[in-house]
Amino acid sequence: MDHQQLSDQIEIQQLCARYMMLSARKDNDHWREVFTEDGVYNAFGTPYGLEHFPMLLKSAPNGQYIGNPPVVDFDGDRATGVQHYVFIDQTSHEMRLAWYEDQYVRTDDGWRIRVRSTTFMRRSGGFDHGNAHDPARFVAGQEIQ
């Protein structure tokens, strides 16, 4: 790995760590430091743009993300990566096992996530992208009627 590849790898690792920190802290003010302007997060079988992030974070349970550094494959100013993680619910300490599949792009401001998709690892041994639902109906994990 040459100096530029090493630098790019470290920058993407920091990018992914920042994503997990912003998610855990429910910080809606800094997503443009992580995603491209047209960035997309795929969850529950649905693509969401940056304008949906406040609603997604509000509906998600509080908790902590613990992830490994992503495995990244570079192709010039584009890259793909996979990052496995554990989410631990703050109140119940229940865990969710999953991974992100990413597409990264080098921008004038550094590497950014263009697309991030979640795949959950189920107790049954299966894998899926979550149950399709409208997160706007949920606040802190509780469905509102």
Protein backbone atom coordinates (compact mmCIF):
# COMPACT_ATOMS: atom_id res chain seq x y z
CA MET A 1 0.00 0.00 0.00
CA ASP A 2 1.54 3.34 -1.01
CA HIS A 3 1.31 6.56 1.00
CA GLN A 4 -1.81 7.84 -0.85
CA GLN A 5 -3.68 4.54 -0.42
CA LEU A 6 -2.81 4.48 3.27
CA SER A 7 -3.98 8.09 3.66
CA ASP A 8 -7.24 7.31 1.81
CA GLN A 9 -7.82 4.22 3.95
CA ILE A 10 -7.39 6.18 7.18
CA GLU A 11 -9.67 8.97 5.94
CA ILE A 12 -12.45 6.49 5.09
CA GLN A 13 -12.04 4.76 8.46
CA GLN A 14 -12.50 8.14 10.16
CA LEU A 15 -15.49 8.87 7.92
CA CYS A 16 -17.20 5.63 8.99
CA ALA A 17 -16.36 6.26 12.66
CA ARG A 18 -17.86 9.76 12.35
CA TYR A 19 -21.06 8.27 10.89
CA MET A 20 -21.42 5.96 13.93
CA MET A 21 -20.70 8.81 16.35
CA LEU A 22 -23.27 11.09 14.71
CA SER A 23 -25.85 8.28 14.74
CA ALA A 24 -25.28 7.41 18.41
CA ARG A 25 -25.43 11.06 19.45
CA LYS A 26 -28.42 11.73 17.17
CA ASP A 27 -26.52 14.67 15.70
CA ASN A 28 -28.43 16.05 12.71
CA ASP A 29 -26.13 19.02 12.11
CA HIS A 30 -23.13 17.34 10.49
CA TRP A 31 -24.33 14.80 7.90
CA ARG A 32 -22.83 16.82 5.04
CA GLU A 33 -19.42 16.08 6.58
CA VAL A 34 -20.13 12.37 6.03
CA PHE A 35 -22.35 12.09 2.92
CA THR A 36 -22.29 13.61 -0.53
CA GLU A 37 -25.06 16.14 -1.19
CA ASP A 38 -26.97 13.42 -3.08
CA GLY A 39 -26.10 10.76 -0.51
CA VAL A 40 -28.51 7.90 0.16
CA TYR A 41 -28.98 5.61 3.15
CA ASN A 42 -30.82 2.38 2.33
CA ALA A 43 -32.67 0.88 5.28
CA PHE A 44 -35.78 -1.22 5.62
CA GLY A 45 -35.90 -1.72 1.87
CA THR A 46 -36.20 2.03 1.28
CA PRO A 47 -33.67 4.65 0.09
CA TYR A 48 -33.55 7.84 2.20
CA GLY A 49 -31.87 11.13 1.26
CA LEU A 50 -30.24 13.56 3.68
CA GLU A 51 -33.52 15.42 4.15
CA HIS A 52 -34.92 12.29 5.84
CA PHE A 53 -32.10 11.88 8.38
CA PRO A 54 -33.71 13.95 11.18
CA MET A 55 -36.83 11.75 11.03
CA LEU A 56 -34.78 8.54 10.85
CA LEU A 57 -32.69 9.49 13.88
CA LYS A 58 -35.71 10.62 15.88
CA SER A 59 -37.43 7.28 15.28
CA ALA A 60 -34.37 5.14 16.07
CA PRO A 61 -33.70 3.84 19.57
CA ASN A 62 -30.89 5.39 21.58
CA GLY A 63 -27.77 3.30 21.71
CA GLN A 64 -24.16 2.72 20.84
CA TYR A 65 -22.57 1.54 17.58
CA ILE A 66 -19.36 -0.47 17.72
CA GLY A 67 -17.84 -1.19 14.34
CA ASN A 68 -14.74 -2.59 12.77
CA PRO A 69 -12.71 -0.57 10.26
CA PRO A 70 -14.26 -1.00 6.82
CA VAL A 71 -12.67 -3.26 4.23
CA VAL A 72 -12.24 -0.92 1.26
CA ASP A 73 -11.57 -1.49 -2.43
CA PHE A 74 -10.37 1.59 -4.31
CA ASP A 75 -10.98 2.51 -7.93
CA GLY A 76 -9.44 5.95 -8.42
CA ASP A 77 -11.69 8.59 -6.82
CA ARG A 78 -14.35 5.99 -6.02
CA ALA A 79 -14.33 3.11 -3.60
CA THR A 80 -16.58 0.46 -2.11
CA GLY A 81 -16.47 -0.91 1.39
CA VAL A 82 -18.03 -3.22 3.96
CA GLN A 83 -18.14 -2.39 7.67
CA HIS A 84 -19.52 -4.85 10.22
CA TYR A 85 -20.97 -3.44 13.43
CA VAL A 86 -22.95 -4.12 16.58
CA PHE A 87 -25.69 -1.77 17.78
CA ILE A 88 -26.44 -1.95 21.50
CA ASP A 89 -29.76 -0.49 22.66
CA GLN A 90 -29.17 1.97 25.51
CA THR A 91 -32.14 0.97 27.67
CA SER A 92 -32.42 -2.79 27.13
CA HIS A 93 -28.81 -3.56 26.12
CA GLU A 94 -30.21 -5.79 23.37
CA MET A 95 -27.87 -6.06 20.42
CA ARG A 96 -28.31 -5.97 16.67
CA LEU A 97 -25.65 -7.42 14.42
CA ALA A 98 -25.29 -5.95 10.96
CA TRP A 99 -23.03 -4.59 8.29
CA TYR A 100 -22.95 -1.60 6.00
CA GLU A 101 -22.17 -1.83 2.30
CA ASP A 102 -20.86 1.50 1.10
CA GLN A 103 -19.99 3.46 -1.99
CA TYR A 104 -17.51 6.26 -1.35
CA VAL A 105 -16.53 9.21 -3.53
CA ARG A 106 -13.54 11.55 -3.22
CA THR A 107 -14.87 15.13 -3.22
CA ASP A 108 -13.16 18.51 -2.95
CA ASP A 109 -13.80 18.21 0.81
CA GLY A 110 -12.38 14.69 1.09
CA TRP A 111 -13.95 11.23 0.99
CA ARG A 112 -17.71 11.05 1.50
CA ILE A 113 -20.30 8.27 1.57
CA ARG A 114 -22.45 8.28 -1.58
CA VAL A 115 -24.56 5.21 -0.67
CA ARG A 116 -24.78 3.26 2.60
CA SER A 117 -26.96 0.14 2.90
CA THR A 118 -27.63 -1.93 6.00
CA THR A 119 -27.90 -5.72 6.12
CA PHE A 120 -29.00 -7.29 9.41
CA MET A 121 -27.73 -10.65 10.66
CA ARG A 122 -30.71 -12.53 12.12
CA ARG A 123 -30.74 -15.11 14.92
CA SER A 124 -32.29 -17.53 12.44
CA GLY A 125 -29.07 -17.41 10.43
CA GLY A 126 -30.66 -15.30 7.72
CA PHE A 127 -29.76 -11.87 6.42
CA ASP A 128 -32.09 -9.05 5.37
CA HIS A 129 -32.37 -5.29 5.06
CA GLY A 130 -35.01 -4.92 7.76
CA ASN A 131 -38.75 -4.91 7.72
CA ALA A 132 -40.22 -2.32 5.40
CA HIS A 133 -42.02 0.34 7.45
CA ASP A 134 -42.44 4.08 7.73
CA PRO A 135 -39.93 5.28 10.37
CA ALA A 136 -41.92 8.52 10.70
CA ARG A 137 -44.52 6.44 12.59
CA PHE A 138 -41.96 5.59 15.27
CA VAL A 139 -40.44 7.79 17.95
CA ALA A 140 -37.66 6.28 20.07
CA GLY A 141 -38.71 2.80 19.01
CA GLN A 142 -42.38 3.27 19.93
CA GLU A 143 -45.06 3.25 17.22
CA ILE A 144 -47.38 6.24 17.24
CA GLN A 145 -50.94 5.76 16.07
